[in-house]
Amino acid sequence: MDILACPKCKGKVKEQGMFITCAKCKLAYPVLDSDVPDMLIDDAWALDKAKKAGFKHKLKL
């Protein structure tokens, strides 16, 4: 986690459930199976949506 940064704002991110989240941008990047984070801005979820989903998803590589 120390080397990861939000691709949009380059700020700090933290792991929450099955997501890597950026509080500043209010985005949640899904971590796919095999622990591969999808850090593409276009694939990010709104942080509120991820919270409502309990920070869980069914996405696969």
PDB file of N, CA and C in Angstrom:
ATOM      1  N   MET A   1       0.809  -1.197   0.000  1.00  0.00           N
ATOM      2  CA  MET A   1       0.000   0.000   0.000  1.00  0.00           C
ATOM      3  C   MET A   1       0.860   1.272   0.000  1.00  0.00           C
ATOM      4  N   ASP A   2       2.072   1.160   0.486  1.00  0.00           N
ATOM      5  CA  ASP A   2       2.932   2.347   0.559  1.00  0.00           C
ATOM      6  C   ASP A   2       3.298   2.899  -0.811  1.00  0.00           C
ATOM      7  N   ILE A   3       3.322   2.039  -1.831  1.00  0.00           N
ATOM      8  CA  ILE A   3       3.726   2.508  -3.157  1.00  0.00           C
ATOM      9  C   ILE A   3       2.537   2.866  -4.046  1.00  0.00           C
ATOM     10  N   LEU A   4       1.320   2.555  -3.599  1.00  0.00           N
ATOM     11  CA  LEU A   4       0.140   2.876  -4.398  1.00  0.00           C
ATOM     12  C   LEU A   4      -0.320   4.300  -4.134  1.00  0.00           C
ATOM     13  N   ALA A   5      -0.840   4.930  -5.184  1.00  0.00           N
ATOM     14  CA  ALA A   5      -1.410   6.268  -5.079  1.00  0.00           C
ATOM     15  C   ALA A   5      -2.642   6.317  -5.970  1.00  0.00           C
ATOM     16  N   CYS A   6      -3.531   7.211  -5.658  1.00  0.00           N
ATOM     17  CA  CYS A   6      -4.715   7.398  -6.474  1.00  0.00           C
ATOM     18  C   CYS A   6      -4.272   7.875  -7.861  1.00  0.00           C
ATOM     19  N   PRO A   7      -4.723   7.211  -8.918  1.00  0.00           N
ATOM     20  CA  PRO A   7      -4.301   7.635 -10.253  1.00  0.00           C
ATOM     21  C   PRO A   7      -4.889   8.983 -10.676  1.00  0.00           C
ATOM     22  N   LYS A   8      -5.943   9.422 -10.008  1.00  0.00           N
ATOM     23  CA  LYS A   8      -6.570  10.693 -10.372  1.00  0.00           C
ATOM     24  C   LYS A   8      -5.879  11.882  -9.701  1.00  0.00           C
ATOM     25  N   CYS A   9      -5.700  11.815  -8.378  1.00  0.00           N
ATOM     26  CA  CYS A   9      -5.128  12.957  -7.652  1.00  0.00           C
ATOM     27  C   CYS A   9      -3.708  12.708  -7.141  1.00  0.00           C
ATOM     28  N   LYS A  10      -3.236  11.474  -7.273  1.00  0.00           N
ATOM     29  CA  LYS A  10      -1.901  11.061  -6.788  1.00  0.00           C
ATOM     30  C   LYS A  10      -1.812  11.075  -5.269  1.00  0.00           C
ATOM     31  N   GLY A  11      -2.967  11.103  -4.597  1.00  0.00           N
ATOM     32  CA  GLY A  11      -3.014  11.126  -3.137  1.00  0.00           C
ATOM     33  C   GLY A  11      -2.939   9.735  -2.523  1.00  0.00           C
ATOM     34  N   LYS A  12      -2.984   9.713  -1.204  1.00  0.00           N
ATOM     35  CA  LYS A  12      -2.913   8.457  -0.453  1.00  0.00           C
ATOM     36  C   LYS A  12      -4.196   7.658  -0.617  1.00  0.00           C
ATOM     37  N   VAL A  13      -4.034   6.351  -0.611  1.00  0.00           N
ATOM     38  CA  VAL A  13      -5.164   5.435  -0.689  1.00  0.00           C
ATOM     39  C   VAL A  13      -5.077   4.452   0.469  1.00  0.00           C
ATOM     40  N   LYS A  14      -6.220   3.823   0.767  1.00  0.00           N
ATOM     41  CA  LYS A  14      -6.207   2.789   1.802  1.00  0.00           C
ATOM     42  C   LYS A  14      -7.076   1.629   1.341  1.00  0.00           C
ATOM     43  N   GLU A  15      -6.809   0.475   1.907  1.00  0.00           N
ATOM     44  CA  GLU A  15      -7.556  -0.728   1.569  1.00  0.00           C
ATOM     45  C   GLU A  15      -8.788  -0.824   2.462  1.00  0.00           C
ATOM     46  N   GLN A  16      -9.938  -1.039   1.826  1.00  0.00           N
ATOM     47  CA  GLN A  16     -11.188  -1.222   2.559  1.00  0.00           C
ATOM     48  C   GLN A  16     -11.928  -2.378   1.892  1.00  0.00           C
ATOM     49  N   GLY A  17     -11.999  -3.491   2.574  1.00  0.00           N
ATOM     50  CA  GLY A  17     -12.664  -4.663   2.002  1.00  0.00           C
ATOM     51  C   GLY A  17     -12.028  -5.069   0.692  1.00  0.00           C
ATOM     52  N   MET A  18     -12.840  -5.116  -0.361  1.00  0.00           N
ATOM     53  CA  MET A  18     -12.362  -5.537  -1.679  1.00  0.00           C
ATOM     54  C   MET A  18     -12.048  -4.330  -2.576  1.00  0.00           C
ATOM     55  N   PHE A  19     -11.726  -3.193  -1.959  1.00  0.00           N
ATOM     56  CA  PHE A  19     -11.444  -1.965  -2.702  1.00  0.00           C
ATOM     57  C   PHE A  19     -10.218  -1.262  -2.147  1.00  0.00           C
ATOM     58  N   ILE A  20      -9.626  -0.440  -2.993  1.00  0.00           N
ATOM     59  CA  ILE A  20      -8.617   0.524  -2.577  1.00  0.00           C
ATOM     60  C   ILE A  20      -9.290   1.871  -2.759  1.00  0.00           C
ATOM     61  N   THR A  21      -9.370   2.650  -1.686  1.00  0.00           N
ATOM     62  CA  THR A  21     -10.170   3.869  -1.721  1.00  0.00           C
ATOM     63  C   THR A  21      -9.340   5.138  -1.591  1.00  0.00           C
ATOM     64  N   CYS A  22      -9.848   6.190  -2.220  1.00  0.00           N
ATOM     65  CA  CYS A  22      -9.266   7.525  -2.107  1.00  0.00           C
ATOM     66  C   CYS A  22     -10.349   8.425  -1.529  1.00  0.00           C
ATOM     67  N   ALA A  23     -10.130   8.913  -0.322  1.00  0.00           N
ATOM     68  CA  ALA A  23     -11.113   9.773   0.340  1.00  0.00           C
ATOM     69  C   ALA A  23     -11.205  11.137  -0.352  1.00  0.00           C
ATOM     70  N   LYS A  24     -10.096  11.630  -0.870  1.00  0.00           N
ATOM     71  CA  LYS A  24     -10.082  12.946  -1.510  1.00  0.00           C
ATOM     72  C   LYS A  24     -10.936  12.959  -2.782  1.00  0.00           C
ATOM     73  N   CYS A  25     -10.780  11.945  -3.626  1.00  0.00           N
ATOM     74  CA  CYS A  25     -11.535  11.870  -4.889  1.00  0.00           C
ATOM     75  C   CYS A  25     -12.883  11.179  -4.724  1.00  0.00           C
ATOM     76  N   LYS A  26     -13.079  10.555  -3.573  1.00  0.00           N
ATOM     77  CA  LYS A  26     -14.301   9.790  -3.293  1.00  0.00           C
ATOM     78  C   LYS A  26     -14.506   8.692  -4.330  1.00  0.00           C
ATOM     79  N   LEU A  27     -13.394   7.970  -4.612  1.00  0.00           N
ATOM     80  CA  LEU A  27     -13.414   6.854  -5.552  1.00  0.00           C
ATOM     81  C   LEU A  27     -12.960   5.577  -4.851  1.00  0.00           C
ATOM     82  N   ALA A  28     -13.475   4.458  -5.347  1.00  0.00           N
ATOM     83  CA  ALA A  28     -13.095   3.137  -4.828  1.00  0.00           C
ATOM     84  C   ALA A  28     -12.684   2.276  -6.010  1.00  0.00           C
ATOM     85  N   TYR A  29     -11.446   1.824  -5.990  1.00  0.00           N
ATOM     86  CA  TYR A  29     -10.903   0.993  -7.058  1.00  0.00           C
ATOM     87  C   TYR A  29     -11.013  -0.471  -6.635  1.00  0.00           C
ATOM     88  N   PRO A  30     -11.702  -1.298  -7.419  1.00  0.00           N
ATOM     89  CA  PRO A  30     -11.892  -2.697  -7.014  1.00  0.00           C
ATOM     90  C   PRO A  30     -10.592  -3.494  -7.066  1.00  0.00           C
ATOM     91  N   VAL A  31     -10.460  -4.389  -6.102  1.00  0.00           N
ATOM     92  CA  VAL A  31      -9.360  -5.356  -6.114  1.00  0.00           C
ATOM     93  C   VAL A  31      -9.969  -6.656  -6.637  1.00  0.00           C
ATOM     94  N   LEU A  32      -9.470  -7.105  -7.774  1.00  0.00           N
ATOM     95  CA  LEU A  32     -10.024  -8.280  -8.431  1.00  0.00           C
ATOM     96  C   LEU A  32      -9.458  -9.551  -7.820  1.00  0.00           C
ATOM     97  N   ASP A  33      -9.959 -10.699  -8.290  1.00  0.00           N
ATOM     98  CA  ASP A  33      -9.430 -11.978  -7.801  1.00  0.00           C
ATOM     99  C   ASP A  33      -7.918 -12.005  -8.011  1.00  0.00           C
ATOM    100  N   SER A  34      -7.239 -12.790  -7.282  1.00  0.00           N
ATOM    101  CA  SER A  34      -5.769 -12.872  -7.304  1.00  0.00           C
ATOM    102  C   SER A  34      -5.122 -11.599  -6.756  1.00  0.00           C
ATOM    103  N   ASP A  35      -5.895 -10.782  -6.018  1.00  0.00           N
ATOM    104  CA  ASP A  35      -5.368  -9.574  -5.372  1.00  0.00           C
ATOM    105  C   ASP A  35      -4.774  -8.567  -6.352  1.00  0.00           C
ATOM    106  N   VAL A  36      -5.376  -8.457  -7.544  1.00  0.00           N
ATOM    107  CA  VAL A  36      -4.914  -7.505  -8.549  1.00  0.00           C
ATOM    108  C   VAL A  36      -5.809  -6.266  -8.486  1.00  0.00           C
ATOM    109  N   PRO A  37      -5.266  -5.116  -8.094  1.00  0.00           N
ATOM    110  CA  PRO A  37      -6.095  -3.910  -8.043  1.00  0.00           C
ATOM    111  C   PRO A  37      -6.326  -3.342  -9.444  1.00  0.00           C
ATOM    112  N   ASP A  38      -7.563  -2.955  -9.724  1.00  0.00           N
ATOM    113  CA  ASP A  38      -7.916  -2.299 -10.984  1.00  0.00           C
ATOM    114  C   ASP A  38      -7.893  -0.801 -10.709  1.00  0.00           C
ATOM    115  N   MET A  39      -6.778  -0.165 -11.019  1.00  0.00           N
ATOM    116  CA  MET A  39      -6.588   1.242 -10.692  1.00  0.00           C
ATOM    117  C   MET A  39      -6.893   2.170 -11.868  1.00  0.00           C
ATOM    118  N   LEU A  40      -7.760   1.723 -12.779  1.00  0.00           N
ATOM    119  CA  LEU A  40      -8.165   2.574 -13.888  1.00  0.00           C
ATOM    120  C   LEU A  40      -9.292   3.492 -13.422  1.00  0.00           C
ATOM    121  N   ILE A  41      -9.168   4.775 -13.693  1.00  0.00           N
ATOM    122  CA  ILE A  41     -10.162   5.744 -13.250  1.00  0.00           C
ATOM    123  C   ILE A  41     -11.541   5.399 -13.806  1.00  0.00           C
ATOM    124  N   ASP A  42     -11.601   4.965 -15.054  1.00  0.00           N
ATOM    125  CA  ASP A  42     -12.886   4.626 -15.682  1.00  0.00           C
ATOM    126  C   ASP A  42     -13.574   3.435 -15.020  1.00  0.00           C
ATOM    127  N   ASP A  43     -12.820   2.570 -14.357  1.00  0.00           N
ATOM    128  CA  ASP A  43     -13.383   1.383 -13.702  1.00  0.00           C
ATOM    129  C   ASP A  43     -13.704   1.618 -12.223  1.00  0.00           C
ATOM    130  N   ALA A  44     -13.328   2.781 -11.706  1.00  0.00           N
ATOM    131  CA  ALA A  44     -13.543   3.070 -10.283  1.00  0.00           C
ATOM    132  C   ALA A  44     -15.026   3.234  -9.975  1.00  0.00           C
ATOM    133  N   TRP A  45     -15.385   2.870  -8.767  1.00  0.00           N
ATOM    134  CA  TRP A  45     -16.746   3.059  -8.258  1.00  0.00           C
ATOM    135  C   TRP A  45     -16.777   4.343  -7.448  1.00  0.00           C
ATOM    136  N   ALA A  46     -17.935   4.951  -7.369  1.00  0.00           N
ATOM    137  CA  ALA A  46     -18.112   6.060  -6.429  1.00  0.00           C
ATOM    138  C   ALA A  46     -17.974   5.481  -5.019  1.00  0.00           C
ATOM    139  N   LEU A  47     -17.338   6.200  -4.138  1.00  0.00           N
ATOM    140  CA  LEU A  47     -17.102   5.713  -2.781  1.00  0.00           C
ATOM    141  C   LEU A  47     -18.419   5.375  -2.080  1.00  0.00           C
ATOM    142  N   ASP A  48     -19.455   6.175  -2.291  1.00  0.00           N
ATOM    143  CA  ASP A  48     -20.769   5.894  -1.688  1.00  0.00           C
ATOM    144  C   ASP A  48     -21.337   4.562  -2.165  1.00  0.00           C
ATOM    145  N   LYS A  49     -21.169   4.261  -3.443  1.00  0.00           N
ATOM    146  CA  LYS A  49     -21.654   2.985  -4.001  1.00  0.00           C
ATOM    147  C   LYS A  49     -20.925   1.812  -3.348  1.00  0.00           C
ATOM    148  N   ALA A  50     -19.608   1.942  -3.190  1.00  0.00           N
ATOM    149  CA  ALA A  50     -18.822   0.875  -2.559  1.00  0.00           C
ATOM    150  C   ALA A  50     -19.235   0.692  -1.098  1.00  0.00           C
ATOM    151  N   LYS A  51     -19.490   1.801  -0.397  1.00  0.00           N
ATOM    152  CA  LYS A  51     -19.943   1.713   0.998  1.00  0.00           C
ATOM    153  C   LYS A  51     -21.277   0.978   1.085  1.00  0.00           C
ATOM    154  N   LYS A  52     -22.212   1.315   0.187  1.00  0.00           N
ATOM    155  CA  LYS A  52     -23.528   0.663   0.185  1.00  0.00           C
ATOM    156  C   LYS A  52     -23.408  -0.831  -0.094  1.00  0.00           C
ATOM    157  N   ALA A  53     -22.389  -1.216  -0.868  1.00  0.00           N
ATOM    158  CA  ALA A  53     -22.166  -2.629  -1.185  1.00  0.00           C
ATOM    159  C   ALA A  53     -21.363  -3.330  -0.092  1.00  0.00           C
ATOM    160  N   GLY A  54     -21.070  -2.627   0.982  1.00  0.00           N
ATOM    161  CA  GLY A  54     -20.292  -3.222   2.077  1.00  0.00           C
ATOM    162  C   GLY A  54     -18.844  -3.476   1.695  1.00  0.00           C
ATOM    163  N   PHE A  55     -18.343  -2.697   0.741  1.00  0.00           N
ATOM    164  CA  PHE A  55     -16.988  -2.836   0.218  1.00  0.00           C
ATOM    165  C   PHE A  55     -16.729  -4.247  -0.323  1.00  0.00           C
ATOM    166  N   LYS A  56     -17.769  -4.837  -0.916  1.00  0.00           N
ATOM    167  CA  LYS A  56     -17.651  -6.147  -1.562  1.00  0.00           C
ATOM    168  C   LYS A  56     -18.165  -6.056  -2.985  1.00  0.00           C
ATOM    169  N   HIS A  57     -17.641  -6.913  -3.857  1.00  0.00           N
ATOM    170  CA  HIS A  57     -18.088  -6.988  -5.242  1.00  0.00           C
ATOM    171  C   HIS A  57     -17.888  -8.404  -5.751  1.00  0.00           C
ATOM    172  N   LYS A  58     -18.380  -8.661  -6.944  1.00  0.00           N
ATOM    173  CA  LYS A  58     -18.244  -9.986  -7.568  1.00  0.00           C
ATOM    174  C   LYS A  58     -17.463  -9.904  -8.872  1.00  0.00           C
ATOM    175  N   LEU A  59     -16.617  -8.911  -9.017  1.00  0.00           N
ATOM    176  CA  LEU A  59     -15.840  -8.728 -10.241  1.00  0.00           C
ATOM    177  C   LEU A  59     -14.698  -9.735 -10.289  1.00  0.00           C
ATOM    178  N   LYS A  60     -14.381 -10.165 -11.486  1.00  0.00           N
ATOM    179  CA  LYS A  60     -13.271 -11.096 -11.702  1.00  0.00           C
ATOM    180  C   LYS A  60     -12.388 -10.561 -12.819  1.00  0.00           C
ATOM    181  N   LEU A  61     -11.184 -11.075 -12.868  1.00  0.00           N
ATOM    182  CA  LEU A  61     -10.248 -10.720 -13.943  1.00  0.00           C
ATOM    183  C   LEU A  61     -10.730 -11.212 -15.263  1.00  0.00           C
TER     184      LEU A  61
END
